C-alpha atoms as a PDB file:
ATOM      1  CA  MET A   1      26.396 182.797 290.813  1.00  0.00           C
ATOM      2  CA  SER A   2      25.111 184.352 294.009  1.00  0.00           C
ATOM      3  CA  GLU A   3      26.997 184.083 297.271  1.00  0.00           C
ATOM      4  CA  TYR A   4      23.635 184.030 299.017  1.00  0.00           C
ATOM      5  CA  ASN A   5      21.489 181.020 299.735  1.00  0.00           C
ATOM      6  CA  PHE A   6      18.146 182.329 300.968  1.00  0.00           C
ATOM      7  CA  LEU A   7      16.029 179.193 301.246  1.00  0.00           C
ATOM      8  CA  GLY A   8      12.791 178.403 303.026  1.00  0.00           C
ATOM      9  CA  THR A   9       9.472 179.986 303.844  1.00  0.00           C
ATOM     10  CA  ILE A  10       8.639 181.558 307.191  1.00  0.00           C
ATOM     11  CA  THR A  11       5.455 183.181 308.480  1.00  0.00           C
ATOM     12  CA  ASN A  12       6.136 186.268 310.556  1.00  0.00           C
ATOM     13  CA  LYS A  13       4.349 189.318 311.952  1.00  0.00           C
ATOM     14  CA  ILE A  14       4.546 192.983 311.093  1.00  0.00           C
ATOM     15  CA  GLU A  15       5.045 194.990 314.275  1.00  0.00           C
ATOM     16  CA  SER A  16       4.000 198.556 314.892  1.00  0.00           C
ATOM     17  CA  GLN A  17       5.450 201.170 312.556  1.00  0.00           C
ATOM     18  CA  GLY A  18       6.109 198.531 309.880  1.00  0.00           C
ATOM     19  CA  ARG A  19       8.907 196.731 311.659  1.00  0.00           C
ATOM     20  CA  MET A  20       9.519 193.047 311.009  1.00  0.00           C
ATOM     21  CA  LYS A  21      11.847 190.647 312.779  1.00  0.00           C
ATOM     22  CA  PHE A  22      14.343 189.547 310.137  1.00  0.00           C
ATOM     23  CA  PRO A  23      14.907 185.774 310.443  1.00  0.00           C
ATOM     24  CA  ALA A  24      18.382 184.865 311.685  1.00  0.00           C
ATOM     25  CA  LYS A  25      18.709 182.206 308.980  1.00  0.00           C
ATOM     26  CA  PHE A  26      18.563 184.997 306.371  1.00  0.00           C
ATOM     27  CA  ARG A  27      21.183 187.161 308.076  1.00  0.00           C
ATOM     28  CA  ARG A  28      24.797 186.854 307.049  1.00  0.00           C
ATOM     29  CA  GLY A  29      25.989 186.877 310.665  1.00  0.00           C
ATOM     30  CA  GLY A  30      23.046 184.931 312.126  1.00  0.00           C
ATOM     31  CA  ASP A  31      21.541 186.381 315.301  1.00  0.00           C
ATOM     32  CA  SER A  32      24.490 188.706 315.837  1.00  0.00           C
ATOM     33  CA  ALA A  33      24.027 190.510 312.496  1.00  0.00           C
ATOM     34  CA  LYS A  34      22.975 194.122 312.634  1.00  0.00           C
ATOM     35  CA  ASN A  35      23.404 197.044 310.289  1.00  0.00           C
ATOM     36  CA  GLU A  36      23.373 194.582 307.387  1.00  0.00           C
ATOM     37  CA  PRO A  37      22.107 196.604 304.399  1.00  0.00           C
ATOM     38  CA  PHE A  38      19.159 195.532 302.230  1.00  0.00           C
ATOM     39  CA  VAL A  39      17.171 197.243 299.486  1.00  0.00           C
ATOM     40  CA  LEU A  40      13.383 196.808 299.364  1.00  0.00           C
ATOM     41  CA  VAL A  41      11.555 197.233 296.047  1.00  0.00           C
ATOM     42  CA  ARG A  42       8.195 196.455 294.471  1.00  0.00           C
ATOM     43  CA  GLY A  43       8.152 192.875 293.261  1.00  0.00           C
ATOM     44  CA  LEU A  44       6.787 191.949 289.856  1.00  0.00           C
ATOM     45  CA  ASP A  45       4.069 189.668 291.278  1.00  0.00           C
ATOM     46  CA  GLY A  46       2.685 191.944 293.985  1.00  0.00           C
ATOM     47  CA  CYS A  47       5.244 191.070 296.648  1.00  0.00           C
ATOM     48  CA  ILE A  48       8.134 193.066 298.109  1.00  0.00           C
ATOM     49  CA  ARG A  49      11.602 192.011 297.004  1.00  0.00           C
ATOM     50  CA  VAL A  50      14.423 192.277 299.531  1.00  0.00           C
ATOM     51  CA  TYR A  51      17.888 192.415 297.985  1.00  0.00           C
ATOM     52  CA  PRO A  52      21.192 192.249 299.870  1.00  0.00           C
ATOM     53  CA  GLU A  53      23.291 195.252 298.919  1.00  0.00           C
ATOM     54  CA  GLU A  54      25.622 193.192 296.689  1.00  0.00           C
ATOM     55  CA  GLU A  55      22.707 191.739 294.710  1.00  0.00           C
ATOM     56  CA  TRP A  56      21.070 195.155 294.402  1.00  0.00           C
ATOM     57  CA  VAL A  57      24.234 196.491 292.739  1.00  0.00           C
ATOM     58  CA  LYS A  58      23.720 193.912 289.948  1.00  0.00           C
ATOM     59  CA  ILE A  59      20.086 194.988 289.493  1.00  0.00           C
ATOM     60  CA  ARG A  60      21.055 198.644 289.496  1.00  0.00           C
ATOM     61  CA  GLN A  61      23.678 198.070 286.804  1.00  0.00           C
ATOM     62  CA  LYS A  62      20.975 196.543 284.593  1.00  0.00           C
ATOM     63  CA  LEU A  63      18.609 199.428 285.339  1.00  0.00           C
ATOM     64  CA  ASP A  64      21.332 201.910 284.386  1.00  0.00           C
ATOM     65  CA  LYS A  65      21.498 200.331 280.911  1.00  0.00           C
ATOM     66  CA  ILE A  66      17.787 200.752 280.169  1.00  0.00           C
ATOM     67  CA  ASP A  67      17.172 202.758 276.992  1.00  0.00           C
ATOM     68  CA  LEU A  68      15.230 205.726 278.326  1.00  0.00           C
ATOM     69  CA  SER A  69      14.206 206.806 274.834  1.00  0.00           C
ATOM     70  CA  GLN A  70      11.548 204.064 274.933  1.00  0.00           C
ATOM     71  CA  GLN A  71       8.394 205.028 276.821  1.00  0.00           C
ATOM     72  CA  LYS A  72       7.625 201.495 278.102  1.00  0.00           C
ATOM     73  CA  LEU A  73      11.115 201.114 279.526  1.00  0.00           C
ATOM     74  CA  ARG A  74      10.986 204.534 281.199  1.00  0.00           C
ATOM     75  CA  ASP A  75       7.608 203.637 282.671  1.00  0.00           C
ATOM     76  CA  PHE A  76       8.908 200.303 283.947  1.00  0.00           C
ATOM     77  CA  LYS A  77      11.946 201.901 285.582  1.00  0.00           C
ATOM     78  CA  ARG A  78       9.793 204.612 287.145  1.00  0.00           C
ATOM     79  CA  CYS A  79       7.302 202.105 288.562  1.00  0.00           C
ATOM     80  CA  PHE A  80       9.966 199.634 289.711  1.00  0.00           C
ATOM     81  CA  LEU A  81      11.834 202.338 291.616  1.00  0.00           C
ATOM     82  CA  THR A  82       8.719 203.778 293.267  1.00  0.00           C
ATOM     83  CA  ASP A  83       8.989 203.427 297.055  1.00  0.00           C
ATOM     84  CA  VAL A  84      12.460 201.817 296.984  1.00  0.00           C
ATOM     85  CA  SER A  85      13.988 201.909 300.435  1.00  0.00           C
ATOM     86  CA  GLU A  86      17.367 201.072 301.866  1.00  0.00           C
ATOM     87  CA  VAL A  87      17.158 199.421 305.271  1.00  0.00           C
ATOM     88  CA  THR A  88      19.481 197.884 307.808  1.00  0.00           C
ATOM     89  CA  ILE A  89      18.867 195.327 310.519  1.00  0.00           C
ATOM     90  CA  ASP A  90      18.562 197.129 313.849  1.00  0.00           C
ATOM     91  CA  ALA A  91      19.878 196.014 317.254  1.00  0.00           C
ATOM     92  CA  GLN A  92      16.659 194.025 317.849  1.00  0.00           C
ATOM     93  CA  GLY A  93      17.082 192.146 314.547  1.00  0.00           C
ATOM     94  CA  ARG A  94      14.311 194.036 312.736  1.00  0.00           C
ATOM     95  CA  ILE A  95      13.933 195.923 309.482  1.00  0.00           C
ATOM     96  CA  LYS A  96      11.476 198.749 308.851  1.00  0.00           C
ATOM     97  CA  ILE A  97       9.206 198.414 305.834  1.00  0.00           C
ATOM     98  CA  SER A  98       7.592 201.572 304.487  1.00  0.00           C
ATOM     99  CA  GLN A  99       3.822 201.862 304.669  1.00  0.00           C
ATOM    100  CA  ASN A 100       3.731 202.411 300.896  1.00  0.00           C
ATOM    101  CA  LEU A 101       5.454 199.078 300.213  1.00  0.00           C
ATOM    102  CA  LEU A 102       3.259 197.267 302.738  1.00  0.00           C
ATOM    103  CA  LYS A 103       0.176 198.744 301.081  1.00  0.00           C
ATOM    104  CA  PHE A 104       1.463 197.821 297.602  1.00  0.00           C
ATOM    105  CA  ALA A 105       1.935 194.177 298.680  1.00  0.00           C
ATOM    106  CA  ARG A 106      -1.312 194.164 300.713  1.00  0.00           C
ATOM    107  CA  ILE A 107       0.625 193.071 303.800  1.00  0.00           C
ATOM    108  CA  GLU A 108      -1.070 193.940 307.075  1.00  0.00           C
ATOM    109  CA  ARG A 109      -0.271 191.957 310.241  1.00  0.00           C
ATOM    110  CA  SER A 110       1.073 188.675 308.912  1.00  0.00           C
ATOM    111  CA  VAL A 111       3.800 188.243 306.299  1.00  0.00           C
ATOM    112  CA  ILE A 112       5.300 185.312 304.408  1.00  0.00           C
ATOM    113  CA  ILE A 113       9.091 185.551 304.095  1.00  0.00           C
ATOM    114  CA  HIS A 114      10.143 183.425 301.132  1.00  0.00           C
ATOM    115  CA  GLY A 115      13.763 182.760 300.166  1.00  0.00           C
ATOM    116  CA  MET A 116      14.568 182.918 296.443  1.00  0.00           C
ATOM    117  CA  ILE A 117      18.307 182.044 296.704  1.00  0.00           C
ATOM    118  CA  SER A 118      19.776 185.478 295.866  1.00  0.00           C
ATOM    119  CA  TYR A 119      16.945 187.595 297.258  1.00  0.00           C
ATOM    120  CA  ILE A 120      13.905 187.357 299.548  1.00  0.00           C
ATOM    121  CA  GLU A 121      10.235 187.954 298.839  1.00  0.00           C
ATOM    122  CA  LEU A 122       7.727 189.328 301.360  1.00  0.00           C
ATOM    123  CA  TRP A 123       4.128 188.306 300.656  1.00  0.00           C
ATOM    124  CA  CYS A 124       0.626 188.787 301.932  1.00  0.00           C
ATOM    125  CA  PRO A 125      -0.170 185.194 303.036  1.00  0.00           C
ATOM    126  CA  GLU A 126      -3.392 185.017 301.013  1.00  0.00           C
ATOM    127  CA  LEU A 127      -1.696 186.232 297.823  1.00  0.00           C
ATOM    128  CA  PHE A 128       1.255 183.877 298.333  1.00  0.00           C
ATOM    129  CA  ASN A 129      -1.021 180.857 298.710  1.00  0.00           C
ATOM    130  CA  LYS A 130      -3.058 181.914 295.678  1.00  0.00           C
ATOM    131  CA  LYS A 131       0.135 182.305 293.626  1.00  0.00           C
ATOM    132  CA  LEU A 132       1.385 178.861 294.667  1.00  0.00           C
ATOM    133  CA  PHE A 133      -1.955 177.324 293.724  1.00  0.00           C
ATOM    134  CA  GLU A 134      -1.767 178.946 290.272  1.00  0.00           C
ATOM    135  CA  ILE A 135       1.804 177.729 289.737  1.00  0.00           C
ATOM    136  CA  GLU A 136       1.112 174.154 290.851  1.00  0.00           C
ATOM    137  CA  GLU A 137      -1.054 173.594 287.786  1.00  0.00           C
ATOM    138  CA  SER A 138       1.953 173.961 285.470  1.00  0.00           C
ATOM    139  CA  PHE A 139       4.791 173.184 287.892  1.00  0.00           C
ATOM    140  CA  ALA A 140       5.772 169.796 286.417  1.00  0.00           C
ATOM    141  CA  GLU A 141       5.660 171.109 282.854  1.00  0.00           C
ATOM    142  CA  ILE A 142       7.876 174.077 283.717  1.00  0.00           C
ATOM    143  CA  ALA A 143      10.299 171.832 285.639  1.00  0.00           C
ATOM    144  CA  GLU A 144      10.664 169.525 282.641  1.00  0.00           C
ATOM    145  CA  GLY A 145      11.573 172.481 280.454  1.00  0.00           C
ATOM    146  CA  LEU A 146      14.245 173.597 282.916  1.00  0.00           C
ATOM    147  CA  ASN A 147      15.844 170.142 283.095  1.00  0.00           C
ATOM    148  CA  LEU A 148      16.883 170.635 286.731  1.00  0.00           C
ATOM    149  CA  GLU A 149      17.333 166.944 287.476  1.00  0.00           C
ATOM    150  CA  GLY A 150      19.606 165.942 284.663  1.00  0.00           C
END
């Protein structure tokens, strides 16, 4: 179980040079947090995933176990690790997102910051809304299969 509880959705702006104000509610120390480490990677749905360092260690351990004799697994690992960046929250409460990751996720000026409990997703607003619309069609069916309420 994760010690993190990233919940909620916030719309934010990308500043010059790819900097983004990191919401205080997602910082371990609130507004006073700085130098908190995060790892940014390509998300599987066209977003950017933001992992706290402790959660990234779990992902990395799984990546280390990938059987590199299989072409598809090598290709996945290679693609997943393209443009990975380690960032920290600066004194102004911002993180810097590489231009390559912003381009991958099609994020320009506006960004959706979406909590996923143990990690955070950064989305282009249009793609996020499109994804939610697609999911809503099967949301109830998926929820029933997960049995979250019983």
